[in-house]
């Protein structure tokens, strides 16, 4: 099974974005892959305000473990960092509209 790094928005309405990223992980699973979802891994563990740099370093480490990166929605600044790293590592990147995760 391939592993897929889920890139999606977190900042802003964090509780709503956590619910959305759960749907994105379910979408990845329905596609037959294993999700690596850094938001679900770190939500409630690190603070967005005080641990942002540490969280991003962990996120980029997890990204290295994935076979592909799937980006959901319009890229936020954090997602842009992830996408640049994915490109630098030669990872395949797929882009989805937020609604795509609910379509299947």
PDB file of N, CA and C in Angstrom:
ATOM      1  N   UNK A   1       0.838  -1.186   0.000  1.00  0.00           N
ATOM      2  CA  UNK A   1       0.000   0.000   0.000  1.00  0.00           C
ATOM      3  C   UNK A   1       0.882   1.247   0.000  1.00  0.00           C
ATOM      4  N   UNK A   2       0.455   2.230  -0.760  1.00  0.00           N
ATOM      5  CA  UNK A   2       1.224   3.468  -0.743  1.00  0.00           C
ATOM      6  C   UNK A   2       0.767   4.336   0.415  1.00  0.00           C
ATOM      7  N   UNK A   3       1.684   5.187   0.867  1.00  0.00           N
ATOM      8  CA  UNK A   3       1.369   6.138   1.918  1.00  0.00           C
ATOM      9  C   UNK A   3       1.194   7.511   1.296  1.00  0.00           C
ATOM     10  N   UNK A   4       0.199   8.237   1.803  1.00  0.00           N
ATOM     11  CA  UNK A   4      -0.144   9.546   1.269  1.00  0.00           C
ATOM     12  C   UNK A   4      -0.112  10.582   2.392  1.00  0.00           C
ATOM     13  N   UNK A   5       0.685  11.609   2.206  1.00  0.00           N
ATOM     14  CA  UNK A   5       0.727  12.736   3.131  1.00  0.00           C
ATOM     15  C   UNK A   5      -0.445  13.652   2.794  1.00  0.00           C
ATOM     16  N   UNK A   6      -1.272  13.942   3.792  1.00  0.00           N
ATOM     17  CA  UNK A   6      -2.445  14.795   3.613  1.00  0.00           C
ATOM     18  C   UNK A   6      -2.053  16.234   3.951  1.00  0.00           C
ATOM     19  N   UNK A   7      -2.058  17.089   2.944  1.00  0.00           N
ATOM     20  CA  UNK A   7      -1.786  18.512   3.144  1.00  0.00           C
ATOM     21  C   UNK A   7      -3.112  19.251   3.087  1.00  0.00           C
ATOM     22  N   UNK A   8      -3.442  19.932   4.184  1.00  0.00           N
ATOM     23  CA  UNK A   8      -4.693  20.688   4.235  1.00  0.00           C
ATOM     24  C   UNK A   8      -4.548  21.824   5.236  1.00  0.00           C
ATOM     25  N   UNK A   9      -5.512  22.741   5.195  1.00  0.00           N
ATOM     26  CA  UNK A   9      -5.473  23.912   6.074  1.00  0.00           C
ATOM     27  C   UNK A   9      -5.687  23.512   7.529  1.00  0.00           C
ATOM     28  N   UNK A  10      -4.978  24.179   8.420  1.00  0.00           N
ATOM     29  CA  UNK A  10      -5.180  23.991   9.857  1.00  0.00           C
ATOM     30  C   UNK A  10      -5.513  25.312  10.549  1.00  0.00           C
ATOM     31  N   UNK A  11      -4.742  26.347  10.254  1.00  0.00           N
ATOM     32  CA  UNK A  11      -4.947  27.621  10.946  1.00  0.00           C
ATOM     33  C   UNK A  11      -6.298  28.229  10.579  1.00  0.00           C
ATOM     34  N   UNK A  12      -6.707  29.192  11.362  1.00  0.00           N
ATOM     35  CA  UNK A  12      -8.029  29.783  11.177  1.00  0.00           C
ATOM     36  C   UNK A  12      -9.020  29.083  12.082  1.00  0.00           C
ATOM     37  N   UNK A  13     -10.046  28.498  11.502  1.00  0.00           N
ATOM     38  CA  UNK A  13     -11.050  27.753  12.264  1.00  0.00           C
ATOM     39  C   UNK A  13     -10.538  26.322  12.448  1.00  0.00           C
ATOM     40  N   UNK A  14      -9.692  26.153  13.450  1.00  0.00           N
ATOM     41  CA  UNK A  14      -8.992  24.878  13.635  1.00  0.00           C
ATOM     42  C   UNK A  14      -9.932  23.702  13.858  1.00  0.00           C
ATOM     43  N   UNK A  15     -10.977  23.880  14.639  1.00  0.00           N
ATOM     44  CA  UNK A  15     -11.886  22.756  14.906  1.00  0.00           C
ATOM     45  C   UNK A  15     -12.578  22.304  13.623  1.00  0.00           C
ATOM     46  N   UNK A  16     -13.036  23.242  12.815  1.00  0.00           N
ATOM     47  CA  UNK A  16     -13.653  22.890  11.533  1.00  0.00           C
ATOM     48  C   UNK A  16     -12.635  22.245  10.612  1.00  0.00           C
ATOM     49  N   UNK A  17     -11.423  22.777  10.589  1.00  0.00           N
ATOM     50  CA  UNK A  17     -10.382  22.220   9.725  1.00  0.00           C
ATOM     51  C   UNK A  17      -9.964  20.816  10.154  1.00  0.00           C
ATOM     52  N   UNK A  18     -10.021  20.536  11.447  1.00  0.00           N
ATOM     53  CA  UNK A  18      -9.736  19.176  11.922  1.00  0.00           C
ATOM     54  C   UNK A  18     -10.808  18.221  11.398  1.00  0.00           C
ATOM     55  N   UNK A  19     -12.057  18.633  11.455  1.00  0.00           N
ATOM     56  CA  UNK A  19     -13.127  17.779  10.931  1.00  0.00           C
ATOM     57  C   UNK A  19     -12.962  17.558   9.430  1.00  0.00           C
ATOM     58  N   UNK A  20     -12.595  18.595   8.705  1.00  0.00           N
ATOM     59  CA  UNK A  20     -12.379  18.455   7.264  1.00  0.00           C
ATOM     60  C   UNK A  20     -11.229  17.496   6.973  1.00  0.00           C
ATOM     61  N   UNK A  21     -10.142  17.611   7.730  1.00  0.00           N
ATOM     62  CA  UNK A  21      -8.992  16.757   7.438  1.00  0.00           C
ATOM     63  C   UNK A  21      -9.264  15.295   7.802  1.00  0.00           C
ATOM     64  N   UNK A  22     -10.183  15.056   8.721  1.00  0.00           N
ATOM     65  CA  UNK A  22     -10.618  13.673   8.984  1.00  0.00           C
ATOM     66  C   UNK A  22     -11.263  13.099   7.721  1.00  0.00           C
ATOM     67  N   UNK A  23     -12.097  13.922   7.065  1.00  0.00           N
ATOM     68  CA  UNK A  23     -12.723  13.479   5.809  1.00  0.00           C
ATOM     69  C   UNK A  23     -11.658  13.219   4.747  1.00  0.00           C
ATOM     70  N   UNK A  24     -10.615  14.031   4.715  1.00  0.00           N
ATOM     71  CA  UNK A  24      -9.552  13.828   3.727  1.00  0.00           C
ATOM     72  C   UNK A  24      -8.827  12.508   3.986  1.00  0.00           C
ATOM     73  N   UNK A  25      -8.595  12.179   5.256  1.00  0.00           N
ATOM     74  CA  UNK A  25      -7.968  10.891   5.575  1.00  0.00           C
ATOM     75  C   UNK A  25      -8.873   9.730   5.177  1.00  0.00           C
ATOM     76  N   UNK A  26     -10.178   9.867   5.419  1.00  0.00           N
ATOM     77  CA  UNK A  26     -11.101   8.811   4.997  1.00  0.00           C
ATOM     78  C   UNK A  26     -11.074   8.654   3.475  1.00  0.00           C
ATOM     79  N   UNK A  27     -10.986   9.766   2.754  1.00  0.00           N
ATOM     80  CA  UNK A  27     -10.888   9.738   1.291  1.00  0.00           C
ATOM     81  C   UNK A  27      -9.647   8.965   0.854  1.00  0.00           C
ATOM     82  N   UNK A  28      -8.520   9.234   1.491  1.00  0.00           N
ATOM     83  CA  UNK A  28      -7.274   8.528   1.164  1.00  0.00           C
ATOM     84  C   UNK A  28      -7.450   7.031   1.396  1.00  0.00           C
ATOM     85  N   UNK A  29      -8.055   6.673   2.501  1.00  0.00           N
ATOM     86  CA  UNK A  29      -8.273   5.256   2.820  1.00  0.00           C
ATOM     87  C   UNK A  29      -9.190   4.613   1.779  1.00  0.00           C
ATOM     88  N   UNK A  30     -10.243   5.315   1.373  1.00  0.00           N
ATOM     89  CA  UNK A  30     -11.154   4.777   0.351  1.00  0.00           C
ATOM     90  C   UNK A  30     -10.443   4.573  -0.982  1.00  0.00           C
ATOM     91  N   UNK A  31      -9.368   5.303  -1.205  1.00  0.00           N
ATOM     92  CA  UNK A  31      -8.593   5.146  -2.436  1.00  0.00           C
ATOM     93  C   UNK A  31      -7.574   4.007  -2.313  1.00  0.00           C
ATOM     94  N   UNK A  32      -7.552   3.336  -1.171  1.00  0.00           N
ATOM     95  CA  UNK A  32      -6.673   2.190  -0.980  1.00  0.00           C
ATOM     96  C   UNK A  32      -5.290   2.530  -0.481  1.00  0.00           C
ATOM     97  N   UNK A  33      -5.117   3.729   0.067  1.00  0.00           N
ATOM     98  CA  UNK A  33      -3.802   4.151   0.555  1.00  0.00           C
ATOM     99  C   UNK A  33      -3.842   4.386   2.063  1.00  0.00           C
ATOM    100  N   UNK A  34      -2.682   4.568   2.646  1.00  0.00           N
ATOM    101  CA  UNK A  34      -2.540   4.833   4.076  1.00  0.00           C
ATOM    102  C   UNK A  34      -2.265   6.324   4.264  1.00  0.00           C
ATOM    103  N   UNK A  35      -3.117   7.034   5.016  1.00  0.00           N
ATOM    104  CA  UNK A  35      -2.888   8.462   5.205  1.00  0.00           C
ATOM    105  C   UNK A  35      -1.840   8.753   6.278  1.00  0.00           C
ATOM    106  N   UNK A  36      -1.011   9.720   5.993  1.00  0.00           N
ATOM    107  CA  UNK A  36      -0.163  10.345   7.001  1.00  0.00           C
ATOM    108  C   UNK A  36      -0.732  11.744   7.143  1.00  0.00           C
ATOM    109  N   UNK A  37      -1.400  12.000   8.248  1.00  0.00           N
ATOM    110  CA  UNK A  37      -2.097  13.267   8.421  1.00  0.00           C
ATOM    111  C   UNK A  37      -1.508  14.009   9.619  1.00  0.00           C
ATOM    112  N   UNK A  38      -0.621  14.977   9.367  1.00  0.00           N
ATOM    113  CA  UNK A  38       0.051  15.657  10.474  1.00  0.00           C
ATOM    114  C   UNK A  38      -0.892  16.446  11.374  1.00  0.00           C
ATOM    115  N   UNK A  39      -1.989  16.937  10.828  1.00  0.00           N
ATOM    116  CA  UNK A  39      -2.937  17.677  11.660  1.00  0.00           C
ATOM    117  C   UNK A  39      -3.525  16.752  12.719  1.00  0.00           C
ATOM    118  N   UNK A  40      -3.952  15.575  12.303  1.00  0.00           N
ATOM    119  CA  UNK A  40      -4.540  14.640  13.261  1.00  0.00           C
ATOM    120  C   UNK A  40      -3.494  14.114  14.233  1.00  0.00           C
ATOM    121  N   UNK A  41      -2.263  14.066  13.801  1.00  0.00           N
ATOM    122  CA  UNK A  41      -1.179  13.585  14.654  1.00  0.00           C
ATOM    123  C   UNK A  41      -0.831  14.592  15.751  1.00  0.00           C
ATOM    124  N   UNK A  42      -0.919  15.886  15.439  1.00  0.00           N
ATOM    125  CA  UNK A  42      -0.427  16.896  16.375  1.00  0.00           C
ATOM    126  C   UNK A  42      -1.508  17.785  16.993  1.00  0.00           C
ATOM    127  N   UNK A  43      -2.753  17.717  16.507  1.00  0.00           N
ATOM    128  CA  UNK A  43      -3.828  18.556  17.051  1.00  0.00           C
ATOM    129  C   UNK A  43      -4.002  18.287  18.539  1.00  0.00           C
ATOM    130  N   UNK A  44      -3.940  19.333  19.342  1.00  0.00           N
ATOM    131  CA  UNK A  44      -4.083  19.193  20.780  1.00  0.00           C
ATOM    132  C   UNK A  44      -2.807  18.781  21.485  1.00  0.00           C
ATOM    133  N   UNK A  45      -1.751  18.538  20.724  1.00  0.00           N
ATOM    134  CA  UNK A  45      -0.466  18.138  21.297  1.00  0.00           C
ATOM    135  C   UNK A  45       0.481  19.341  21.351  1.00  0.00           C
ATOM    136  N   UNK A  46       0.546  20.074  20.236  1.00  0.00           N
ATOM    137  CA  UNK A  46       1.376  21.273  20.163  1.00  0.00           C
ATOM    138  C   UNK A  46       0.476  22.484  19.948  1.00  0.00           C
ATOM    139  N   UNK A  47       0.974  23.634  20.360  1.00  0.00           N
ATOM    140  CA  UNK A  47       0.223  24.882  20.202  1.00  0.00           C
ATOM    141  C   UNK A  47       0.555  25.527  18.864  1.00  0.00           C
ATOM    142  N   UNK A  48      -0.487  25.902  18.129  1.00  0.00           N
ATOM    143  CA  UNK A  48      -0.305  26.605  16.851  1.00  0.00           C
ATOM    144  C   UNK A  48       0.437  27.919  17.074  1.00  0.00           C
ATOM    145  N   UNK A  49       0.193  28.576  18.183  1.00  0.00           N
ATOM    146  CA  UNK A  49       0.787  29.881  18.458  1.00  0.00           C
ATOM    147  C   UNK A  49       2.250  29.783  18.883  1.00  0.00           C
ATOM    148  N   UNK A  50       2.578  28.823  19.740  1.00  0.00           N
ATOM    149  CA  UNK A  50       3.930  28.786  20.303  1.00  0.00           C
ATOM    150  C   UNK A  50       4.826  27.689  19.735  1.00  0.00           C
ATOM    151  N   UNK A  51       4.252  26.678  19.114  1.00  0.00           N
ATOM    152  CA  UNK A  51       5.039  25.537  18.629  1.00  0.00           C
ATOM    153  C   UNK A  51       4.987  25.384  17.115  1.00  0.00           C
ATOM    154  N   UNK A  52       4.655  26.444  16.399  1.00  0.00           N
ATOM    155  CA  UNK A  52       4.468  26.367  14.942  1.00  0.00           C
ATOM    156  C   UNK A  52       5.701  25.821  14.234  1.00  0.00           C
ATOM    157  N   UNK A  53       6.874  26.329  14.571  1.00  0.00           N
ATOM    158  CA  UNK A  53       8.113  25.890  13.913  1.00  0.00           C
ATOM    159  C   UNK A  53       8.388  24.404  14.199  1.00  0.00           C
ATOM    160  N   UNK A  54       8.205  24.001  15.450  1.00  0.00           N
ATOM    161  CA  UNK A  54       8.411  22.599  15.814  1.00  0.00           C
ATOM    162  C   UNK A  54       7.429  21.700  15.061  1.00  0.00           C
ATOM    163  N   UNK A  55       6.172  22.131  14.993  1.00  0.00           N
ATOM    164  CA  UNK A  55       5.152  21.357  14.278  1.00  0.00           C
ATOM    165  C   UNK A  55       5.513  21.224  12.801  1.00  0.00           C
ATOM    166  N   UNK A  56       5.959  22.308  12.184  1.00  0.00           N
ATOM    167  CA  UNK A  56       6.310  22.259  10.765  1.00  0.00           C
ATOM    168  C   UNK A  56       7.496  21.324  10.532  1.00  0.00           C
ATOM    169  N   UNK A  57       8.472  21.331  11.436  1.00  0.00           N
ATOM    170  CA  UNK A  57       9.608  20.407  11.297  1.00  0.00           C
ATOM    171  C   UNK A  57       9.146  18.957  11.377  1.00  0.00           C
ATOM    172  N   UNK A  58       8.223  18.671  12.295  1.00  0.00           N
ATOM    173  CA  UNK A  58       7.671  17.314  12.405  1.00  0.00           C
ATOM    174  C   UNK A  58       6.893  16.976  11.135  1.00  0.00           C
ATOM    175  N   UNK A  59       6.087  17.924  10.666  1.00  0.00           N
ATOM    176  CA  UNK A  59       5.307  17.707   9.444  1.00  0.00           C
ATOM    177  C   UNK A  59       6.221  17.349   8.271  1.00  0.00           C
ATOM    178  N   UNK A  60       7.300  18.092   8.109  1.00  0.00           N
ATOM    179  CA  UNK A  60       8.202  17.845   6.980  1.00  0.00           C
ATOM    180  C   UNK A  60       8.920  16.510   7.116  1.00  0.00           C
ATOM    181  N   UNK A  61       9.179  16.091   8.340  1.00  0.00           N
ATOM    182  CA  UNK A  61       9.760  14.761   8.548  1.00  0.00           C
ATOM    183  C   UNK A  61       8.766  13.678   8.128  1.00  0.00           C
ATOM    184  N   UNK A  62       7.506  13.842   8.520  1.00  0.00           N
ATOM    185  CA  UNK A  62       6.476  12.881   8.128  1.00  0.00           C
ATOM    186  C   UNK A  62       6.294  12.856   6.611  1.00  0.00           C
ATOM    187  N   UNK A  63       6.380  14.016   5.988  1.00  0.00           N
ATOM    188  CA  UNK A  63       6.233  14.097   4.538  1.00  0.00           C
ATOM    189  C   UNK A  63       7.282  13.232   3.830  1.00  0.00           C
ATOM    190  N   UNK A  64       8.478  13.198   4.377  1.00  0.00           N
ATOM    191  CA  UNK A  64       9.551  12.387   3.777  1.00  0.00           C
ATOM    192  C   UNK A  64       9.196  10.906   3.754  1.00  0.00           C
ATOM    193  N   UNK A  65       8.351  10.467   4.675  1.00  0.00           N
ATOM    194  CA  UNK A  65       7.974   9.053   4.767  1.00  0.00           C
ATOM    195  C   UNK A  65       6.907   8.652   3.751  1.00  0.00           C
ATOM    196  N   UNK A  66       6.241   9.634   3.174  1.00  0.00           N
ATOM    197  CA  UNK A  66       5.119   9.364   2.265  1.00  0.00           C
ATOM    198  C   UNK A  66       5.590   9.091   0.845  1.00  0.00           C
ATOM    199  N   UNK A  67       4.775   8.307   0.139  1.00  0.00           N
ATOM    200  CA  UNK A  67       5.031   8.066  -1.279  1.00  0.00           C
ATOM    201  C   UNK A  67       4.536   9.226  -2.132  1.00  0.00           C
ATOM    202  N   UNK A  68       3.410   9.817  -1.726  1.00  0.00           N
ATOM    203  CA  UNK A  68       2.798  10.917  -2.470  1.00  0.00           C
ATOM    204  C   UNK A  68       2.262  11.954  -1.489  1.00  0.00           C
ATOM    205  N   UNK A  69       1.998  13.150  -2.012  1.00  0.00           N
ATOM    206  CA  UNK A  69       1.362  14.218  -1.237  1.00  0.00           C
ATOM    207  C   UNK A  69       0.073  14.590  -1.948  1.00  0.00           C
ATOM    208  N   UNK A  70      -1.032  14.596  -1.197  1.00  0.00           N
ATOM    209  CA  UNK A  70      -2.311  15.024  -1.739  1.00  0.00           C
ATOM    210  C   UNK A  70      -2.703  16.294  -1.011  1.00  0.00           C
ATOM    211  N   UNK A  71      -2.886  17.360  -1.750  1.00  0.00           N
ATOM    212  CA  UNK A  71      -3.224  18.663  -1.189  1.00  0.00           C
ATOM    213  C   UNK A  71      -4.710  18.937  -1.403  1.00  0.00           C
ATOM    214  N   UNK A  72      -5.388  19.299  -0.327  1.00  0.00           N
ATOM    215  CA  UNK A  72      -6.825  19.555  -0.370  1.00  0.00           C
ATOM    216  C   UNK A  72      -7.100  21.033  -0.149  1.00  0.00           C
ATOM    217  N   UNK A  73      -7.807  21.643  -1.100  1.00  0.00           N
ATOM    218  CA  UNK A  73      -8.168  23.050  -0.985  1.00  0.00           C
ATOM    219  C   UNK A  73      -7.053  23.965  -1.462  1.00  0.00           C
ATOM    220  N   UNK A  74      -7.316  25.260  -1.342  1.00  0.00           N
ATOM    221  CA  UNK A  74      -6.328  26.258  -1.738  1.00  0.00           C
ATOM    222  C   UNK A  74      -5.152  26.216  -0.775  1.00  0.00           C
ATOM    223  N   UNK A  75      -3.931  26.167  -1.298  1.00  0.00           N
ATOM    224  CA  UNK A  75      -2.760  26.081  -0.414  1.00  0.00           C
ATOM    225  C   UNK A  75      -2.617  27.294   0.515  1.00  0.00           C
ATOM    226  N   UNK A  76      -2.488  27.013   1.788  1.00  0.00           N
ATOM    227  CA  UNK A  76      -2.191  28.020   2.800  1.00  0.00           C
ATOM    228  C   UNK A  76      -0.673  28.206   2.828  1.00  0.00           C
ATOM    229  N   UNK A  77      -0.162  29.199   3.561  1.00  0.00           N
ATOM    230  CA  UNK A  77       1.296  29.342   3.654  1.00  0.00           C
ATOM    231  C   UNK A  77       1.998  28.069   4.157  1.00  0.00           C
ATOM    232  N   UNK A  78       1.401  27.400   5.147  1.00  0.00           N
ATOM    233  CA  UNK A  78       1.997  26.150   5.642  1.00  0.00           C
ATOM    234  C   UNK A  78       1.988  25.055   4.588  1.00  0.00           C
ATOM    235  N   UNK A  79       0.896  24.955   3.864  1.00  0.00           N
ATOM    236  CA  UNK A  79       0.814  23.964   2.787  1.00  0.00           C
ATOM    237  C   UNK A  79       1.828  24.267   1.689  1.00  0.00           C
ATOM    238  N   UNK A  80       2.057  25.533   1.427  1.00  0.00           N
ATOM    239  CA  UNK A  80       3.033  25.905   0.402  1.00  0.00           C
ATOM    240  C   UNK A  80       4.420  25.415   0.779  1.00  0.00           C
ATOM    241  N   UNK A  81       4.768  25.491   2.060  1.00  0.00           N
ATOM    242  CA  UNK A  81       6.054  24.959   2.530  1.00  0.00           C
ATOM    243  C   UNK A  81       6.101  23.450   2.282  1.00  0.00           C
ATOM    244  N   UNK A  82       5.013  22.766   2.612  1.00  0.00           N
ATOM    245  CA  UNK A  82       4.951  21.317   2.407  1.00  0.00           C
ATOM    246  C   UNK A  82       5.073  20.964   0.920  1.00  0.00           C
ATOM    247  N   UNK A  83       4.402  21.715   0.074  1.00  0.00           N
ATOM    248  CA  UNK A  83       4.442  21.430  -1.365  1.00  0.00           C
ATOM    249  C   UNK A  83       5.824  21.701  -1.955  1.00  0.00           C
ATOM    250  N   UNK A  84       6.489  22.736  -1.487  1.00  0.00           N
ATOM    251  CA  UNK A  84       7.866  22.999  -1.936  1.00  0.00           C
ATOM    252  C   UNK A  84       8.788  21.855  -1.531  1.00  0.00           C
ATOM    253  N   UNK A  85       8.614  21.360  -0.311  1.00  0.00           N
ATOM    254  CA  UNK A  85       9.433  20.234   0.157  1.00  0.00           C
ATOM    255  C   UNK A  85       9.127  18.976  -0.655  1.00  0.00           C
ATOM    256  N   UNK A  86       7.860  18.732  -0.929  1.00  0.00           N
ATOM    257  CA  UNK A  86       7.479  17.571  -1.738  1.00  0.00           C
ATOM    258  C   UNK A  86       8.134  17.644  -3.115  1.00  0.00           C
ATOM    259  N   UNK A  87       8.102  18.814  -3.718  1.00  0.00           N
ATOM    260  CA  UNK A  87       8.743  18.980  -5.034  1.00  0.00           C
ATOM    261  C   UNK A  87      10.242  18.768  -4.952  1.00  0.00           C
ATOM    262  N   UNK A  88      10.863  19.296  -3.905  1.00  0.00           N
ATOM    263  CA  UNK A  88      12.308  19.129  -3.731  1.00  0.00           C
ATOM    264  C   UNK A  88      12.684  17.660  -3.560  1.00  0.00           C
ATOM    265  N   UNK A  89      11.797  16.895  -2.942  1.00  0.00           N
ATOM    266  CA  UNK A  89      12.048  15.468  -2.719  1.00  0.00           C
ATOM    267  C   UNK A  89      11.612  14.605  -3.901  1.00  0.00           C
ATOM    268  N   UNK A  90      11.014  15.224  -4.902  1.00  0.00           N
ATOM    269  CA  UNK A  90      10.559  14.472  -6.065  1.00  0.00           C
ATOM    270  C   UNK A  90       9.304  13.653  -5.813  1.00  0.00           C
ATOM    271  N   UNK A  91       8.506  14.058  -4.839  1.00  0.00           N
ATOM    272  CA  UNK A  91       7.260  13.343  -4.530  1.00  0.00           C
ATOM    273  C   UNK A  91       6.184  13.720  -5.542  1.00  0.00           C
ATOM    274  N   UNK A  92       5.350  12.765  -5.880  1.00  0.00           N
ATOM    275  CA  UNK A  92       4.189  13.049  -6.710  1.00  0.00           C
ATOM    276  C   UNK A  92       3.196  13.841  -5.865  1.00  0.00           C
ATOM    277  N   UNK A  93       2.671  14.924  -6.417  1.00  0.00           N
ATOM    278  CA  UNK A  93       1.714  15.767  -5.710  1.00  0.00           C
ATOM    279  C   UNK A  93       0.411  15.789  -6.503  1.00  0.00           C
ATOM    280  N   UNK A  94      -0.693  15.561  -5.799  1.00  0.00           N
ATOM    281  CA  UNK A  94      -2.023  15.644  -6.402  1.00  0.00           C
ATOM    282  C   UNK A  94      -2.790  16.755  -5.696  1.00  0.00           C
ATOM    283  N   UNK A  95      -3.580  17.473  -6.457  1.00  0.00           N
ATOM    284  CA  UNK A  95      -4.392  18.554  -5.897  1.00  0.00           C
ATOM    285  C   UNK A  95      -5.866  18.186  -5.993  1.00  0.00           C
ATOM    286  N   UNK A  96      -6.574  18.419  -4.892  1.00  0.00           N
ATOM    287  CA  UNK A  96      -7.998  18.153  -4.828  1.00  0.00           C
ATOM    288  C   UNK A  96      -8.712  19.391  -4.303  1.00  0.00           C
ATOM    289  N   UNK A  97      -9.913  19.611  -4.804  1.00  0.00           N
ATOM    290  CA  UNK A  97     -10.778  20.612  -4.197  1.00  0.00           C
ATOM    291  C   UNK A  97     -11.282  20.019  -2.890  1.00  0.00           C
ATOM    292  N   UNK A  98     -11.626  20.865  -1.946  1.00  0.00           N
ATOM    293  CA  UNK A  98     -12.125  20.381  -0.656  1.00  0.00           C
ATOM    294  C   UNK A  98     -13.287  19.424  -0.830  1.00  0.00           C
ATOM    295  N   UNK A  99     -14.146  19.712  -1.796  1.00  0.00           N
ATOM    296  CA  UNK A  99     -15.357  18.908  -1.992  1.00  0.00           C
ATOM    297  C   UNK A  99     -15.051  17.503  -2.507  1.00  0.00           C
ATOM    298  N   UNK A 100     -13.904  17.319  -3.140  1.00  0.00           N
ATOM    299  CA  UNK A 100     -13.570  16.018  -3.727  1.00  0.00           C
ATOM    300  C   UNK A 100     -13.571  14.901  -2.683  1.00  0.00           C
ATOM    301  N   UNK A 101     -13.185  15.211  -1.461  1.00  0.00           N
ATOM    302  CA  UNK A 101     -13.116  14.188  -0.432  1.00  0.00           C
ATOM    303  C   UNK A 101     -14.490  13.661  -0.063  1.00  0.00           C
ATOM    304  N   UNK A 102     -15.532  14.418  -0.339  1.00  0.00           N
ATOM    305  CA  UNK A 102     -16.876  13.991  -0.005  1.00  0.00           C
ATOM    306  C   UNK A 102     -17.581  13.335  -1.187  1.00  0.00           C
ATOM    307  N   UNK A 103     -16.982  13.406  -2.363  1.00  0.00           N
ATOM    308  CA  UNK A 103     -17.651  12.961  -3.581  1.00  0.00           C
ATOM    309  C   UNK A 103     -17.653  11.440  -3.729  1.00  0.00           C
ATOM    310  N   UNK A 104     -16.675  10.786  -3.172  1.00  0.00           N
ATOM    311  CA  UNK A 104     -16.558   9.327  -3.375  1.00  0.00           C
ATOM    312  C   UNK A 104     -16.950   8.600  -2.089  1.00  0.00           C
TER     313      UNK A 104
END
